[in-house]
PDB file of N, CA and C in Angstrom:
ATOM      1  N   ASN A   1      12.497 -47.551-129.398  1.00  0.00           N
ATOM      2  CA  ASN A   1      12.062 -48.673-130.336  1.00  0.00           C
ATOM      3  C   ASN A   1      11.874 -47.190-131.706  1.00  0.00           C
ATOM      4  N   ALA A   2      12.139 -47.973-133.138  1.00  0.00           N
ATOM      5  CA  ALA A   2      12.138 -47.137-134.318  1.00  0.00           C
ATOM      6  C   ALA A   2      11.509 -48.149-134.933  1.00  0.00           C
ATOM      7  N   GLU A   3      10.865 -47.152-136.162  1.00  0.00           N
ATOM      8  CA  GLU A   3       9.902 -48.063-137.440  1.00  0.00           C
ATOM      9  C   GLU A   3      10.941 -47.652-138.634  1.00  0.00           C
ATOM     10  N   GLU A   4      11.140 -48.430-139.455  1.00  0.00           N
ATOM     11  CA  GLU A   4      11.739 -48.029-140.673  1.00  0.00           C
ATOM     12  C   GLU A   4      11.104 -48.020-141.719  1.00  0.00           C
ATOM     13  N   ASN A   5      11.060 -47.371-142.407  1.00  0.00           N
ATOM     14  CA  ASN A   5      10.193 -47.332-143.982  1.00  0.00           C
ATOM     15  C   ASN A   5      11.382 -46.946-144.879  1.00  0.00           C
ATOM     16  N   GLN A   6      10.881 -47.853-146.046  1.00  0.00           N
ATOM     17  CA  GLN A   6      11.710 -47.517-147.085  1.00  0.00           C
ATOM     18  C   GLN A   6      11.012 -46.422-148.097  1.00  0.00           C
ATOM     19  N   THR A   7      11.494 -45.398-148.630  1.00  0.00           N
ATOM     20  CA  THR A   7      10.770 -44.346-149.306  1.00  0.00           C
ATOM     21  C   THR A   7      10.821 -44.842-151.010  1.00  0.00           C
ATOM     22  N   ASP A   8      10.087 -44.317-151.629  1.00  0.00           N
ATOM     23  CA  ASP A   8       9.573 -44.534-153.068  1.00  0.00           C
ATOM     24  C   ASP A   8      11.166 -44.341-153.946  1.00  0.00           C
ATOM     25  N   SER A   9      12.232 -43.681-153.558  1.00  0.00           N
ATOM     26  CA  SER A   9      13.195 -43.411-153.832  1.00  0.00           C
ATOM     27  C   SER A   9      14.402 -44.353-153.631  1.00  0.00           C
ATOM     28  N   GLY A  10      14.176 -45.329-152.627  1.00  0.00           N
ATOM     29  CA  GLY A  10      14.654 -46.229-152.200  1.00  0.00           C
ATOM     30  C   GLY A  10      15.654 -46.077-150.876  1.00  0.00           C
ATOM     31  N   THR A  11      15.530 -44.684-150.452  1.00  0.00           N
ATOM     32  CA  THR A  11      16.324 -44.573-148.999  1.00  0.00           C
ATOM     33  C   THR A  11      15.353 -45.167-147.708  1.00  0.00           C
ATOM     34  N   TYR A  12      15.892 -44.847-146.828  1.00  0.00           N
ATOM     35  CA  TYR A  12      15.077 -45.109-145.497  1.00  0.00           C
ATOM     36  C   TYR A  12      15.123 -44.297-144.712  1.00  0.00           C
ATOM     37  N   GLU A  13      13.751 -44.257-144.107  1.00  0.00           N
ATOM     38  CA  GLU A  13      13.280 -43.248-142.648  1.00  0.00           C
ATOM     39  C   GLU A  13      12.973 -43.930-141.537  1.00  0.00           C
ATOM     40  N   PHE A  14      13.368 -43.148-140.566  1.00  0.00           N
ATOM     41  CA  PHE A  14      13.382 -43.641-139.543  1.00  0.00           C
ATOM     42  C   PHE A  14      12.475 -42.956-138.295  1.00  0.00           C
ATOM     43  N   ASN A  15      11.337 -43.505-138.066  1.00  0.00           N
ATOM     44  CA  ASN A  15      10.598 -42.708-136.851  1.00  0.00           C
ATOM     45  C   ASN A  15      10.929 -43.394-135.564  1.00  0.00           C
ATOM     46  N   CYS A  16      11.029 -42.472-134.578  1.00  0.00           N
ATOM     47  CA  CYS A  16      11.236 -43.139-133.671  1.00  0.00           C
ATOM     48  C   CYS A  16      10.131 -42.869-132.442  1.00  0.00           C
ATOM     49  N   GLN A  17       9.541 -43.747-131.687  1.00  0.00           N
ATOM     50  CA  GLN A  17       8.516 -43.817-130.793  1.00  0.00           C
ATOM     51  C   GLN A  17       8.428 -42.403-129.920  1.00  0.00           C
ATOM     52  N   HIS A  18       9.317 -41.776-129.415  1.00  0.00           N
ATOM     53  CA  HIS A  18       9.557 -40.765-128.736  1.00  0.00           C
ATOM     54  C   HIS A  18      10.028 -39.336-129.338  1.00  0.00           C
ATOM     55  N   GLY A  19       9.948 -39.652-130.802  1.00  0.00           N
ATOM     56  CA  GLY A  19      10.219 -38.062-131.551  1.00  0.00           C
ATOM     57  C   GLY A  19      11.904 -38.323-132.036  1.00  0.00           C
ATOM     58  N   PRO A  20      12.170 -37.454-132.713  1.00  0.00           N
ATOM     59  CA  PRO A  20      13.530 -37.019-133.599  1.00  0.00           C
ATOM     60  C   PRO A  20      14.493 -36.934-132.423  1.00  0.00           C
ATOM     61  N   PRO A  21      14.382 -36.450-131.426  1.00  0.00           N
ATOM     62  CA  PRO A  21      15.758 -36.893-130.259  1.00  0.00           C
ATOM     63  C   PRO A  21      15.928 -38.010-129.842  1.00  0.00           C
ATOM     64  N   GLU A  22      15.104 -39.006-130.169  1.00  0.00           N
ATOM     65  CA  GLU A  22      15.487 -40.084-129.752  1.00  0.00           C
ATOM     66  C   GLU A  22      16.362 -40.728-130.463  1.00  0.00           C
ATOM     67  N   CYS A  23      15.901 -40.750-132.046  1.00  0.00           N
ATOM     68  CA  CYS A  23      16.458 -41.059-133.155  1.00  0.00           C
ATOM     69  C   CYS A  23      18.077 -40.605-133.249  1.00  0.00           C
ATOM     70  N   ILE A  24      18.011 -39.359-133.129  1.00  0.00           N
ATOM     71  CA  ILE A  24      19.548 -38.608-132.935  1.00  0.00           C
ATOM     72  C   ILE A  24      20.179 -39.204-132.044  1.00  0.00           C
ATOM     73  N   TYR A  25      19.963 -39.445-130.694  1.00  0.00           N
ATOM     74  CA  TYR A  25      20.951 -40.308-129.630  1.00  0.00           C
ATOM     75  C   TYR A  25      20.951 -41.484-129.962  1.00  0.00           C
ATOM     76  N   ASN A  26      20.012 -42.309-130.770  1.00  0.00           N
ATOM     77  CA  ASN A  26      20.353 -43.727-130.947  1.00  0.00           C
ATOM     78  C   ASN A  26      21.487 -43.752-131.877  1.00  0.00           C
ATOM     79  N   ILE A  27      21.593 -42.945-132.821  1.00  0.00           N
ATOM     80  CA  ILE A  27      22.411 -43.052-133.700  1.00  0.00           C
ATOM     81  C   ILE A  27      24.088 -42.504-132.638  1.00  0.00           C
ATOM     82  N   ILE A  28      23.864 -41.444-132.162  1.00  0.00           N
ATOM     83  CA  ILE A  28      25.345 -41.210-131.141  1.00  0.00           C
ATOM     84  C   ILE A  28      25.379 -42.431-130.173  1.00  0.00           C
ATOM     85  N   GLU A  29      24.557 -43.139-129.730  1.00  0.00           N
ATOM     86  CA  GLU A  29      24.858 -44.453-129.161  1.00  0.00           C
ATOM     87  C   GLU A  29      25.291 -45.634-129.567  1.00  0.00           C
ATOM     88  N   ASN A  30      25.002 -45.511-130.892  1.00  0.00           N
ATOM     89  CA  ASN A  30      25.440 -46.812-131.803  1.00  0.00           C
ATOM     90  C   ASN A  30      27.073 -46.619-132.363  1.00  0.00           C
ATOM     91  N   CYS A  31      26.907 -45.102-132.387  1.00  0.00           N
ATOM     92  CA  CYS A  31      28.546 -45.067-132.827  1.00  0.00           C
ATOM     93  C   CYS A  31      29.526 -45.268-131.972  1.00  0.00           C
ATOM     94  N   ALA A  32      28.692 -44.669-130.673  1.00  0.00           N
ATOM     95  CA  ALA A  32      29.669 -44.777-129.095  1.00  0.00           C
ATOM     96  C   ALA A  32      30.000 -46.178-129.312  1.00  0.00           C
ATOM     97  N   LEU A  33      29.173 -46.992-128.835  1.00  0.00           N
ATOM     98  CA  LEU A  33      29.358 -48.618-128.983  1.00  0.00           C
ATOM     99  C   LEU A  33      30.313 -49.195-129.944  1.00  0.00           C
ATOM    100  N   ASP A  34      30.671 -48.612-131.134  1.00  0.00           N
ATOM    101  CA  ASP A  34      31.723 -49.102-132.142  1.00  0.00           C
ATOM    102  C   ASP A  34      32.906 -48.429-131.850  1.00  0.00           C
ATOM    103  N   LYS A  35      32.965 -47.412-131.305  1.00  0.00           N
ATOM    104  CA  LYS A  35      34.282 -46.517-131.034  1.00  0.00           C
ATOM    105  C   LYS A  35      34.768 -46.596-129.498  1.00  0.00           C
ATOM    106  N   ILE A  36      34.100 -46.842-128.733  1.00  0.00           N
ATOM    107  CA  ILE A  36      34.455 -47.007-126.960  1.00  0.00           C
ATOM    108  C   ILE A  36      34.571 -48.617-126.878  1.00  0.00           C
ATOM    109  N   GLU A  37      36.015 -49.117-126.430  1.00  0.00           N
ATOM    110  CA  GLU A  37      36.287 -50.526-126.451  1.00  0.00           C
ATOM    111  C   GLU A  37      36.166 -50.696-124.955  1.00  0.00           C
ATOM    112  N   ASP A  38      36.250 -49.955-123.823  1.00  0.00           N
ATOM    113  CA  ASP A  38      35.717 -50.407-122.747  1.00  0.00           C
ATOM    114  C   ASP A  38      34.267 -50.725-122.113  1.00  0.00           C
ATOM    115  N   PRO A  39      33.833 -52.036-122.179  1.00  0.00           N
ATOM    116  CA  PRO A  39      32.142 -52.030-121.730  1.00  0.00           C
ATOM    117  C   PRO A  39      31.715 -51.511-121.058  1.00  0.00           C
ATOM    118  N   LEU A  40      32.753 -51.166-119.816  1.00  0.00           N
ATOM    119  CA  LEU A  40      31.975 -50.238-118.406  1.00  0.00           C
ATOM    120  C   LEU A  40      32.087 -48.998-119.351  1.00  0.00           C
ATOM    121  N   THR A  41      33.143 -47.973-119.527  1.00  0.00           N
ATOM    122  CA  THR A  41      33.188 -46.724-119.866  1.00  0.00           C
ATOM    123  C   THR A  41      32.024 -46.694-121.172  1.00  0.00           C
ATOM    124  N   ALA A  42      31.504 -47.730-122.009  1.00  0.00           N
ATOM    125  CA  ALA A  42      30.602 -47.407-122.795  1.00  0.00           C
ATOM    126  C   ALA A  42      29.210 -47.455-122.143  1.00  0.00           C
ATOM    127  N   PHE A  43      28.877 -48.390-121.536  1.00  0.00           N
ATOM    128  CA  PHE A  43      27.734 -48.310-120.408  1.00  0.00           C
ATOM    129  C   PHE A  43      27.313 -46.863-119.840  1.00  0.00           C
ATOM    130  N   GLN A  44      28.738 -46.593-119.312  1.00  0.00           N
ATOM    131  CA  GLN A  44      28.767 -45.213-118.330  1.00  0.00           C
ATOM    132  C   GLN A  44      28.207 -43.800-119.636  1.00  0.00           C
ATOM    133  N   TYR A  45      28.440 -44.208-120.558  1.00  0.00           N
ATOM    134  CA  TYR A  45      28.465 -43.233-121.694  1.00  0.00           C
ATOM    135  C   TYR A  45      27.345 -43.528-122.135  1.00  0.00           C
ATOM    136  N   ILE A  46      26.696 -44.540-122.547  1.00  0.00           N
ATOM    137  CA  ILE A  46      25.068 -44.488-123.040  1.00  0.00           C
ATOM    138  C   ILE A  46      24.279 -44.132-121.806  1.00  0.00           C
ATOM    139  N   GLU A  47      24.578 -44.144-120.500  1.00  0.00           N
ATOM    140  CA  GLU A  47      23.741 -43.845-119.267  1.00  0.00           C
ATOM    141  C   GLU A  47      23.841 -42.337-119.596  1.00  0.00           C
ATOM    142  N   CYS A  48      25.007 -41.572-119.634  1.00  0.00           N
ATOM    143  CA  CYS A  48      24.692 -40.200-119.711  1.00  0.00           C
ATOM    144  C   CYS A  48      23.924 -39.790-120.583  1.00  0.00           C
ATOM    145  N   ILE A  49      23.668 -40.200-121.908  1.00  0.00           N
ATOM    146  CA  ILE A  49      23.129 -39.789-123.278  1.00  0.00           C
ATOM    147  C   ILE A  49      21.927 -39.999-122.685  1.00  0.00           C
ATOM    148  N   GLU A  50      21.270 -40.977-122.185  1.00  0.00           N
ATOM    149  CA  GLU A  50      19.873 -41.508-121.708  1.00  0.00           C
ATOM    150  C   GLU A  50      19.731 -40.213-120.635  1.00  0.00           C
ATOM    151  N   GLN A  51      20.416 -40.280-120.014  1.00  0.00           N
ATOM    152  CA  GLN A  51      19.752 -39.088-118.752  1.00  0.00           C
ATOM    153  C   GLN A  51      19.575 -37.625-119.501  1.00  0.00           C
ATOM    154  N   ASN A  52      20.361 -37.160-120.471  1.00  0.00           N
ATOM    155  CA  ASN A  52      20.012 -36.007-121.149  1.00  0.00           C
ATOM    156  C   ASN A  52      19.196 -36.046-122.159  1.00  0.00           C
ATOM    157  N   ASP A  53      18.430 -37.255-122.471  1.00  0.00           N
ATOM    158  CA  ASP A  53      17.469 -37.025-123.290  1.00  0.00           C
ATOM    159  C   ASP A  53      16.015 -37.427-122.800  1.00  0.00           C
ATOM    160  N   GLU A  54      16.129 -36.972-121.468  1.00  0.00           N
ATOM    161  CA  GLU A  54      14.799 -37.313-120.887  1.00  0.00           C
ATOM    162  C   GLU A  54      13.436 -35.838-121.383  1.00  0.00           C
ATOM    163  N   SER A  55      14.130 -34.874-121.794  1.00  0.00           N
ATOM    164  CA  SER A  55      13.458 -33.802-121.912  1.00  0.00           C
ATOM    165  C   SER A  55      12.755 -33.958-123.043  1.00  0.00           C
ATOM    166  N   ARG A  56      13.305 -34.578-124.085  1.00  0.00           N
ATOM    167  CA  ARG A  56      12.830 -34.804-125.297  1.00  0.00           C
ATOM    168  C   ARG A  56      12.955 -33.682-126.401  1.00  0.00           C
ATOM    169  N   ASP A  57      13.590 -32.753-125.677  1.00  0.00           N
ATOM    170  CA  ASP A  57      13.834 -31.421-126.380  1.00  0.00           C
ATOM    171  C   ASP A  57      14.290 -31.236-127.944  1.00  0.00           C
ATOM    172  N   PRO A  58      13.530 -31.401-128.905  1.00  0.00           N
ATOM    173  CA  PRO A  58      14.334 -31.453-130.122  1.00  0.00           C
ATOM    174  C   PRO A  58      15.271 -30.227-130.424  1.00  0.00           C
ATOM    175  N   LYS A  59      15.126 -29.351-129.906  1.00  0.00           N
ATOM    176  CA  LYS A  59      16.207 -28.236-129.882  1.00  0.00           C
ATOM    177  C   LYS A  59      17.387 -28.364-129.532  1.00  0.00           C
ATOM    178  N   GLN A  60      17.773 -29.343-128.524  1.00  0.00           N
ATOM    179  CA  GLN A  60      18.625 -29.636-127.595  1.00  0.00           C
ATOM    180  C   GLN A  60      19.888 -29.575-128.482  1.00  0.00           C
ATOM    181  N   ASP A  61      21.087 -29.434-127.682  1.00  0.00           N
ATOM    182  CA  ASP A  61      22.397 -29.430-128.442  1.00  0.00           C
ATOM    183  C   ASP A  61      23.058 -30.775-128.426  1.00  0.00           C
ATOM    184  N   TYR A  62      22.817 -31.509-129.285  1.00  0.00           N
ATOM    185  CA  TYR A  62      23.179 -32.981-129.491  1.00  0.00           C
ATOM    186  C   TYR A  62      24.767 -33.228-129.334  1.00  0.00           C
ATOM    187  N   TYR A  63      25.506 -32.393-130.311  1.00  0.00           N
ATOM    188  CA  TYR A  63      26.925 -32.137-130.046  1.00  0.00           C
ATOM    189  C   TYR A  63      27.401 -32.229-128.680  1.00  0.00           C
ATOM    190  N   GLN A  64      26.948 -31.233-128.123  1.00  0.00           N
ATOM    191  CA  GLN A  64      27.363 -30.576-126.556  1.00  0.00           C
ATOM    192  C   GLN A  64      27.056 -31.622-125.463  1.00  0.00           C
ATOM    193  N   VAL A  65      26.005 -32.322-125.689  1.00  0.00           N
ATOM    194  CA  VAL A  65      25.786 -33.403-124.985  1.00  0.00           C
ATOM    195  C   VAL A  65      26.731 -34.407-125.211  1.00  0.00           C
ATOM    196  N   ALA A  66      26.893 -34.955-126.473  1.00  0.00           N
ATOM    197  CA  ALA A  66      27.983 -36.336-126.722  1.00  0.00           C
ATOM    198  C   ALA A  66      29.394 -35.643-126.011  1.00  0.00           C
ATOM    199  N   ILE A  67      29.742 -34.311-126.240  1.00  0.00           N
ATOM    200  CA  ILE A  67      31.099 -33.611-125.408  1.00  0.00           C
ATOM    201  C   ILE A  67      30.954 -33.854-123.994  1.00  0.00           C
ATOM    202  N   ASP A  68      29.880 -33.631-123.411  1.00  0.00           N
ATOM    203  CA  ASP A  68      29.864 -33.528-122.215  1.00  0.00           C
ATOM    204  C   ASP A  68      29.955 -34.802-121.738  1.00  0.00           C
ATOM    205  N   CYS A  69      29.454 -35.789-122.016  1.00  0.00           N
ATOM    206  CA  CYS A  69      29.345 -37.066-121.994  1.00  0.00           C
ATOM    207  C   CYS A  69      30.507 -37.900-121.892  1.00  0.00           C
ATOM    208  N   CYS A  70      31.323 -37.249-122.793  1.00  0.00           N
ATOM    209  CA  CYS A  70      32.765 -37.749-123.159  1.00  0.00           C
ATOM    210  C   CYS A  70      33.474 -37.391-121.781  1.00  0.00           C
ATOM    211  N   ARG A  71      33.397 -36.080-121.644  1.00  0.00           N
ATOM    212  CA  ARG A  71      34.267 -35.695-120.377  1.00  0.00           C
ATOM    213  C   ARG A  71      33.822 -36.029-119.093  1.00  0.00           C
ATOM    214  N   LEU A  72      32.575 -36.689-119.095  1.00  0.00           N
ATOM    215  CA  LEU A  72      31.915 -37.336-117.759  1.00  0.00           C
ATOM    216  C   LEU A  72      32.574 -38.568-117.814  1.00  0.00           C
ATOM    217  N   THR A  73      32.691 -39.157-118.581  1.00  0.00           N
ATOM    218  CA  THR A  73      33.644 -40.622-118.888  1.00  0.00           C
ATOM    219  C   THR A  73      34.935 -40.514-118.935  1.00  0.00           C
ATOM    220  N   ASN A  74      35.630 -39.408-118.565  1.00  0.00           N
ATOM    221  CA  ASN A  74      37.134 -39.304-119.078  1.00  0.00           C
ATOM    222  C   ASN A  74      37.359 -39.903-120.597  1.00  0.00           C
ATOM    223  N   LEU A  75      36.529 -39.575-121.612  1.00  0.00           N
ATOM    224  CA  LEU A  75      36.686 -39.786-122.839  1.00  0.00           C
ATOM    225  C   LEU A  75      37.538 -38.338-123.272  1.00  0.00           C
ATOM    226  N   ASP A  76      38.527 -38.751-124.552  1.00  0.00           N
ATOM    227  CA  ASP A  76      38.779 -37.669-125.182  1.00  0.00           C
ATOM    228  C   ASP A  76      37.848 -36.982-125.964  1.00  0.00           C
ATOM    229  N   ASP A  77      37.999 -35.737-126.063  1.00  0.00           N
ATOM    230  CA  ASP A  77      36.604 -35.036-126.846  1.00  0.00           C
ATOM    231  C   ASP A  77      36.660 -35.346-128.118  1.00  0.00           C
ATOM    232  N   ASP A  78      37.829 -35.566-128.806  1.00  0.00           N
ATOM    233  CA  ASP A  78      37.652 -36.356-129.979  1.00  0.00           C
ATOM    234  C   ASP A  78      37.103 -37.726-130.328  1.00  0.00           C
ATOM    235  N   THR A  79      36.720 -38.094-129.186  1.00  0.00           N
ATOM    236  CA  THR A  79      35.927 -39.664-129.531  1.00  0.00           C
ATOM    237  C   THR A  79      34.669 -38.875-129.974  1.00  0.00           C
ATOM    238  N   VAL A  80      34.299 -38.011-130.138  1.00  0.00           N
ATOM    239  CA  VAL A  80      32.753 -37.491-130.564  1.00  0.00           C
ATOM    240  C   VAL A  80      33.342 -37.547-131.890  1.00  0.00           C
ATOM    241  N   SER A  81      34.546 -36.829-132.427  1.00  0.00           N
ATOM    242  CA  SER A  81      34.828 -36.738-134.029  1.00  0.00           C
ATOM    243  C   SER A  81      35.214 -37.823-134.494  1.00  0.00           C
ATOM    244  N   LYS A  82      35.451 -38.871-134.232  1.00  0.00           N
ATOM    245  CA  LYS A  82      35.509 -40.124-134.358  1.00  0.00           C
ATOM    246  C   LYS A  82      34.282 -40.918-134.820  1.00  0.00           C
ATOM    247  N   MET A  83      33.322 -40.657-134.145  1.00  0.00           N
ATOM    248  CA  MET A  83      31.794 -41.076-134.158  1.00  0.00           C
ATOM    249  C   MET A  83      31.428 -40.639-135.421  1.00  0.00           C
ATOM    250  N   GLU A  84      31.851 -39.460-135.736  1.00  0.00           N
ATOM    251  CA  GLU A  84      31.214 -38.909-137.241  1.00  0.00           C
ATOM    252  C   GLU A  84      31.953 -39.727-138.617  1.00  0.00           C
ATOM    253  N   THR A  85      32.915 -40.479-138.110  1.00  0.00           N
ATOM    254  CA  THR A  85      33.288 -41.288-139.435  1.00  0.00           C
ATOM    255  C   THR A  85      32.989 -42.581-139.552  1.00  0.00           C
TER     256      THR A  85
END
């Protein structure tokens, strides 16, 4: 769950129920769903991300988790760089 608030400058801030790690992983997951064509692979990737978010540690290496999940689901590492665009 996320709460969206518009700031005085017109930009938006998001506050996630479980803190910043949840928001960051939500972004990664949404990008993955946009870039991964096979529904089963996308599901496996999302499941991998969710398993890595259990600690809610804000200092975790999100990029490395994204790469590890690519490797676990047999996606090319550059899938992550495609998510940045």
